[in-house]
């Protein structure tokens, strides 16, 4: 199995085994540390998975990635998008 597919497998495992609130394990930085790969390469692969509709990308700071299929199976939902943006509204 190639490195790219190993990355998707690890992301799927993390998506199934962790809650979204445990968000640090869903960043490209954490995945690159675990996979012992450069963060740029991991980010490139993850963004390719987003284009292939295999991953969900949450644009926030930092950016989070989840396995689309694992999220849909875990929550029994259908996600119609692969990119979501988190906006924070000020209370002032």
Protein backbone atom coordinates (compact mmCIF):
# COMPACT_ATOMS: atom_id res chain seq x y z
CA UNK A 1 0.00 0.00 0.00
CA UNK A 2 1.32 3.42 -0.93
CA UNK A 3 1.93 6.24 1.50
CA UNK A 4 -1.04 8.23 0.19
CA UNK A 5 -3.43 5.35 0.85
CA UNK A 6 -1.89 4.78 4.29
CA UNK A 7 -2.66 8.42 5.08
CA UNK A 8 -6.31 7.96 4.08
CA UNK A 9 -6.48 4.78 6.14
CA UNK A 10 -5.08 6.59 9.20
CA UNK A 11 -7.51 9.49 8.74
CA UNK A 12 -10.42 7.04 8.45
CA UNK A 13 -9.30 5.29 11.64
CA UNK A 14 -9.04 8.60 13.50
CA UNK A 15 -12.45 9.74 12.23
CA UNK A 16 -14.08 6.53 13.45
CA UNK A 17 -12.27 6.30 16.80
CA UNK A 18 -12.21 9.95 17.92
CA UNK A 19 -14.75 12.65 18.54
CA UNK A 20 -14.57 15.88 16.57
CA UNK A 21 -13.78 17.74 19.80
CA UNK A 22 -10.47 15.85 19.89
CA UNK A 23 -9.61 18.04 16.96
CA UNK A 24 -5.80 18.15 17.09
CA UNK A 25 -5.61 14.61 15.68
CA UNK A 26 -7.36 15.79 12.50
CA UNK A 27 -4.78 18.40 11.44
CA UNK A 28 -2.21 17.97 8.70
CA UNK A 29 0.48 18.80 11.26
CA UNK A 30 -0.49 15.95 13.59
CA UNK A 31 -0.93 13.52 10.71
CA UNK A 32 2.48 14.45 9.29
CA UNK A 33 4.12 13.85 12.67
CA UNK A 34 2.45 10.45 12.96
CA UNK A 35 3.18 9.43 9.36
CA UNK A 36 6.72 10.86 9.52
CA UNK A 37 6.12 12.83 6.34
CA UNK A 38 6.49 16.50 5.53
CA UNK A 39 3.44 18.59 6.39
CA UNK A 40 3.39 19.96 2.83
CA UNK A 41 3.12 16.46 1.35
CA UNK A 42 0.39 15.48 3.81
CA UNK A 43 -1.53 18.69 3.04
CA UNK A 44 -1.20 18.03 -0.69
CA UNK A 45 -2.53 14.48 -0.33
CA UNK A 46 -5.38 15.59 1.94
CA UNK A 47 -6.44 18.29 -0.51
CA UNK A 48 -6.34 15.74 -3.33
CA UNK A 49 -8.67 13.53 -1.24
CA UNK A 50 -11.00 16.51 -0.83
CA UNK A 51 -11.13 16.96 -4.63
CA UNK A 52 -11.79 13.22 -4.98
CA UNK A 53 -14.64 13.56 -2.42
CA UNK A 54 -12.92 11.16 -0.01
CA UNK A 55 -12.27 13.77 2.69
CA UNK A 56 -14.05 16.62 4.36
CA UNK A 57 -12.07 19.82 4.88
CA UNK A 58 -13.07 22.30 7.57
CA UNK A 59 -11.55 25.69 6.86
CA UNK A 60 -10.67 27.09 10.23
CA UNK A 61 -7.48 27.82 12.11
CA UNK A 62 -6.04 25.24 11.96
CA UNK A 63 -7.69 23.38 9.07
CA UNK A 64 -9.21 20.00 9.97
CA UNK A 65 -9.68 16.95 7.77
CA UNK A 66 -12.03 13.99 8.22
CA UNK A 67 -12.76 10.88 6.21
CA UNK A 68 -16.04 11.59 4.40
CA UNK A 69 -17.16 7.97 4.29
CA UNK A 70 -16.29 7.40 7.96
CA UNK A 71 -18.23 10.51 9.06
CA UNK A 72 -21.25 9.51 7.00
CA UNK A 73 -21.22 5.97 8.38
CA UNK A 74 -20.52 7.03 11.97
CA UNK A 75 -23.34 9.60 12.05
CA UNK A 76 -25.62 7.95 9.47
CA UNK A 77 -25.79 11.13 7.39
CA UNK A 78 -25.04 12.21 3.84
CA UNK A 79 -22.68 15.13 3.37
CA UNK A 80 -23.28 17.06 0.17
CA UNK A 81 -20.13 19.18 0.36
CA UNK A 82 -16.47 18.42 0.98
CA UNK A 83 -15.39 21.88 2.16
CA UNK A 84 -16.93 23.65 5.12
CA UNK A 85 -16.01 27.01 6.61
CA UNK A 86 -16.21 27.84 10.27
CA UNK A 87 -17.09 31.43 11.02
CA UNK A 88 -16.84 32.95 14.45
CA UNK A 89 -19.17 35.79 15.25
CA UNK A 90 -18.20 38.43 17.74
CA UNK A 91 -20.57 39.06 20.63
CA UNK A 92 -19.62 42.74 20.79
